């Protein structure tokens, strides 16, 4: 089956098209050699950090030949952890919430989708911390 005819292919294609439609023209060209520079939230302000995620970012960036694409990955992949994860407690036990927006009825679906890319790294994550 053609990969673009699968649900994942259609969603991916729509997402890529939307990004292309809303990005200012020439943005990546303006980034030039500094494209790999981080645009992430400063370390002290990040909501959650994972040694496994940081190692995965470094490993993946090293395999991407295009500096602009590598920079985009390094800035976007950890965004959920950097900005929306709220570690805390619930009924006296460690717990974590993922802030998804203002529609309460969709929190489970949205938060599940936001953390899905990190699940393969969960077993490697021996060291996680808030901020």
C-alpha atoms as a PDB file:
ATOM      1  CA  UNK A   1       0.000   0.000   0.000  1.00  0.00           C
ATOM      2  CA  UNK A   2       1.238   3.470  -0.830  1.00  0.00           C
ATOM      3  CA  UNK A   3       2.525   5.123   2.384  1.00  0.00           C
ATOM      4  CA  UNK A   4       0.607   8.321   1.595  1.00  0.00           C
ATOM      5  CA  UNK A   5      -2.673   6.418   1.571  1.00  0.00           C
ATOM      6  CA  UNK A   6      -2.313   5.273   5.165  1.00  0.00           C
ATOM      7  CA  UNK A   7      -3.766   7.291   8.026  1.00  0.00           C
ATOM      8  CA  UNK A   8      -0.256   8.133   9.251  1.00  0.00           C
ATOM      9  CA  UNK A   9       0.819   9.213   5.753  1.00  0.00           C
ATOM     10  CA  UNK A  10      -2.187  11.499   5.294  1.00  0.00           C
ATOM     11  CA  UNK A  11      -1.763  13.095   8.730  1.00  0.00           C
ATOM     12  CA  UNK A  12       1.983  13.536   8.184  1.00  0.00           C
ATOM     13  CA  UNK A  13       1.428  15.082   4.777  1.00  0.00           C
ATOM     14  CA  UNK A  14      -1.193  17.478   6.104  1.00  0.00           C
ATOM     15  CA  UNK A  15       1.081  18.457   8.981  1.00  0.00           C
ATOM     16  CA  UNK A  16       4.026  19.126   6.685  1.00  0.00           C
ATOM     17  CA  UNK A  17       1.811  21.148   4.361  1.00  0.00           C
ATOM     18  CA  UNK A  18       0.441  23.210   7.240  1.00  0.00           C
ATOM     19  CA  UNK A  19       3.931  23.966   8.537  1.00  0.00           C
ATOM     20  CA  UNK A  20       5.017  25.008   5.055  1.00  0.00           C
ATOM     21  CA  UNK A  21       1.974  27.236   4.692  1.00  0.00           C
ATOM     22  CA  UNK A  22       2.453  29.134   7.964  1.00  0.00           C
ATOM     23  CA  UNK A  23       6.264  29.428   8.036  1.00  0.00           C
ATOM     24  CA  UNK A  24       7.604  32.754   6.778  1.00  0.00           C
ATOM     25  CA  UNK A  25       9.300  32.433   3.403  1.00  0.00           C
ATOM     26  CA  UNK A  26      13.070  32.239   3.626  1.00  0.00           C
ATOM     27  CA  UNK A  27      13.097  31.439   7.353  1.00  0.00           C
ATOM     28  CA  UNK A  28      15.473  28.508   6.986  1.00  0.00           C
ATOM     29  CA  UNK A  29      17.656  30.428   4.542  1.00  0.00           C
ATOM     30  CA  UNK A  30      17.913  33.225   7.130  1.00  0.00           C
ATOM     31  CA  UNK A  31      19.050  30.735   9.759  1.00  0.00           C
ATOM     32  CA  UNK A  32      22.170  29.958   7.694  1.00  0.00           C
ATOM     33  CA  UNK A  33      25.135  28.365   9.477  1.00  0.00           C
ATOM     34  CA  UNK A  34      23.600  29.037  12.902  1.00  0.00           C
ATOM     35  CA  UNK A  35      20.698  26.712  12.168  1.00  0.00           C
ATOM     36  CA  UNK A  36      21.869  24.152  14.720  1.00  0.00           C
ATOM     37  CA  UNK A  37      21.924  26.768  17.504  1.00  0.00           C
ATOM     38  CA  UNK A  38      19.375  25.983  20.173  1.00  0.00           C
ATOM     39  CA  UNK A  39      16.211  27.997  20.481  1.00  0.00           C
ATOM     40  CA  UNK A  40      14.993  25.933  23.441  1.00  0.00           C
ATOM     41  CA  UNK A  41      13.825  27.244  26.760  1.00  0.00           C
ATOM     42  CA  UNK A  42      16.895  27.884  28.985  1.00  0.00           C
ATOM     43  CA  UNK A  43      17.871  24.852  31.092  1.00  0.00           C
ATOM     44  CA  UNK A  44      16.848  26.463  34.392  1.00  0.00           C
ATOM     45  CA  UNK A  45      13.356  27.243  33.085  1.00  0.00           C
ATOM     46  CA  UNK A  46      12.584  23.831  31.533  1.00  0.00           C
ATOM     47  CA  UNK A  47       9.748  21.967  33.197  1.00  0.00           C
ATOM     48  CA  UNK A  48      11.316  18.506  32.897  1.00  0.00           C
ATOM     49  CA  UNK A  49      14.624  17.051  31.772  1.00  0.00           C
ATOM     50  CA  UNK A  50      15.640  13.538  30.819  1.00  0.00           C
ATOM     51  CA  UNK A  51      19.170  12.306  30.287  1.00  0.00           C
ATOM     52  CA  UNK A  52      17.816   9.733  27.804  1.00  0.00           C
ATOM     53  CA  UNK A  53      16.003  12.388  25.745  1.00  0.00           C
ATOM     54  CA  UNK A  54      19.060  14.655  25.669  1.00  0.00           C
ATOM     55  CA  UNK A  55      21.246  11.730  24.547  1.00  0.00           C
ATOM     56  CA  UNK A  56      18.701  10.797  21.856  1.00  0.00           C
ATOM     57  CA  UNK A  57      18.650  14.374  20.558  1.00  0.00           C
ATOM     58  CA  UNK A  58      22.446  14.466  20.367  1.00  0.00           C
ATOM     59  CA  UNK A  59      22.560  11.049  18.659  1.00  0.00           C
ATOM     60  CA  UNK A  60      19.852  11.940  16.134  1.00  0.00           C
ATOM     61  CA  UNK A  61      21.280  15.366  15.318  1.00  0.00           C
ATOM     62  CA  UNK A  62      24.606  13.663  14.596  1.00  0.00           C
ATOM     63  CA  UNK A  63      22.919  11.424  12.016  1.00  0.00           C
ATOM     64  CA  UNK A  64      21.084  14.232  10.206  1.00  0.00           C
ATOM     65  CA  UNK A  65      23.250  15.578   7.406  1.00  0.00           C
ATOM     66  CA  UNK A  66      21.344  18.831   6.905  1.00  0.00           C
ATOM     67  CA  UNK A  67      22.224  21.412   9.607  1.00  0.00           C
ATOM     68  CA  UNK A  68      18.920  23.229   9.261  1.00  0.00           C
ATOM     69  CA  UNK A  69      16.899  20.045   9.669  1.00  0.00           C
ATOM     70  CA  UNK A  70      19.105  18.939  12.583  1.00  0.00           C
ATOM     71  CA  UNK A  71      18.534  22.286  14.300  1.00  0.00           C
ATOM     72  CA  UNK A  72      14.804  22.052  13.745  1.00  0.00           C
ATOM     73  CA  UNK A  73      14.721  18.566  15.285  1.00  0.00           C
ATOM     74  CA  UNK A  74      16.871  19.599  18.275  1.00  0.00           C
ATOM     75  CA  UNK A  75      14.570  22.524  19.014  1.00  0.00           C
ATOM     76  CA  UNK A  76      11.202  20.853  18.397  1.00  0.00           C
ATOM     77  CA  UNK A  77      11.537  17.276  19.675  1.00  0.00           C
ATOM     78  CA  UNK A  78      11.982  18.174  23.381  1.00  0.00           C
ATOM     79  CA  UNK A  79       9.401  20.989  23.384  1.00  0.00           C
ATOM     80  CA  UNK A  80       6.700  19.049  25.250  1.00  0.00           C
ATOM     81  CA  UNK A  81       9.114  18.159  28.044  1.00  0.00           C
ATOM     82  CA  UNK A  82      10.557  21.668  28.157  1.00  0.00           C
ATOM     83  CA  UNK A  83       7.243  23.526  28.285  1.00  0.00           C
ATOM     84  CA  UNK A  84       4.179  21.416  29.142  1.00  0.00           C
ATOM     85  CA  UNK A  85       5.142  18.668  31.603  1.00  0.00           C
ATOM     86  CA  UNK A  86       4.290  19.379  35.250  1.00  0.00           C
ATOM     87  CA  UNK A  87       5.874  16.896  37.683  1.00  0.00           C
ATOM     88  CA  UNK A  88       4.207  16.821  41.083  1.00  0.00           C
ATOM     89  CA  UNK A  89       2.298  14.538  43.415  1.00  0.00           C
ATOM     90  CA  UNK A  90      -1.206  13.086  43.548  1.00  0.00           C
ATOM     91  CA  UNK A  91      -2.517  11.554  46.754  1.00  0.00           C
ATOM     92  CA  UNK A  92       1.024  11.653  48.149  1.00  0.00           C
ATOM     93  CA  UNK A  93       2.584   9.736  45.236  1.00  0.00           C
ATOM     94  CA  UNK A  94       4.797  11.065  42.413  1.00  0.00           C
ATOM     95  CA  UNK A  95       2.709  12.036  39.409  1.00  0.00           C
ATOM     96  CA  UNK A  96       3.087  14.068  36.228  1.00  0.00           C
ATOM     97  CA  UNK A  97       0.586  16.095  34.232  1.00  0.00           C
ATOM     98  CA  UNK A  98       0.929  17.235  30.636  1.00  0.00           C
ATOM     99  CA  UNK A  99      -0.695  20.623  30.069  1.00  0.00           C
ATOM    100  CA  UNK A 100      -2.563  20.438  26.788  1.00  0.00           C
ATOM    101  CA  UNK A 101      -4.664  23.561  26.524  1.00  0.00           C
ATOM    102  CA  UNK A 102      -8.100  24.666  27.513  1.00  0.00           C
ATOM    103  CA  UNK A 103     -10.383  21.820  26.413  1.00  0.00           C
ATOM    104  CA  UNK A 104     -10.665  19.606  29.488  1.00  0.00           C
ATOM    105  CA  UNK A 105     -12.524  16.797  27.706  1.00  0.00           C
ATOM    106  CA  UNK A 106      -9.572  16.231  25.372  1.00  0.00           C
ATOM    107  CA  UNK A 107      -6.746  16.180  27.901  1.00  0.00           C
ATOM    108  CA  UNK A 108      -6.196  12.404  27.807  1.00  0.00           C
ATOM    109  CA  UNK A 109      -6.070  12.186  24.023  1.00  0.00           C
ATOM    110  CA  UNK A 110      -3.882  15.263  23.672  1.00  0.00           C
ATOM    111  CA  UNK A 111      -1.466  14.424  26.477  1.00  0.00           C
ATOM    112  CA  UNK A 112      -1.107  10.866  25.170  1.00  0.00           C
ATOM    113  CA  UNK A 113      -0.235  12.216  21.734  1.00  0.00           C
ATOM    114  CA  UNK A 114       2.265  14.666  23.206  1.00  0.00           C
ATOM    115  CA  UNK A 115       4.262  12.052  25.138  1.00  0.00           C
ATOM    116  CA  UNK A 116       4.061   9.263  22.529  1.00  0.00           C
ATOM    117  CA  UNK A 117       7.398  10.214  20.857  1.00  0.00           C
ATOM    118  CA  UNK A 118       9.215   9.774  24.194  1.00  0.00           C
ATOM    119  CA  UNK A 119       7.861   6.323  25.102  1.00  0.00           C
ATOM    120  CA  UNK A 120      10.660   4.364  23.362  1.00  0.00           C
ATOM    121  CA  UNK A 121      13.114   6.232  25.601  1.00  0.00           C
ATOM    122  CA  UNK A 122      11.344   5.468  28.889  1.00  0.00           C
ATOM    123  CA  UNK A 123      13.414   2.368  29.658  1.00  0.00           C
ATOM    124  CA  UNK A 124      16.656   4.264  29.025  1.00  0.00           C
ATOM    125  CA  UNK A 125      15.611   7.116  31.281  1.00  0.00           C
ATOM    126  CA  UNK A 126      17.442   6.319  34.492  1.00  0.00           C
ATOM    127  CA  UNK A 127      17.724   9.992  35.333  1.00  0.00           C
ATOM    128  CA  UNK A 128      14.897  12.474  34.992  1.00  0.00           C
ATOM    129  CA  UNK A 129      14.449  15.727  36.840  1.00  0.00           C
ATOM    130  CA  UNK A 130      12.217  18.715  37.162  1.00  0.00           C
ATOM    131  CA  UNK A 131      13.724  21.853  35.668  1.00  0.00           C
END
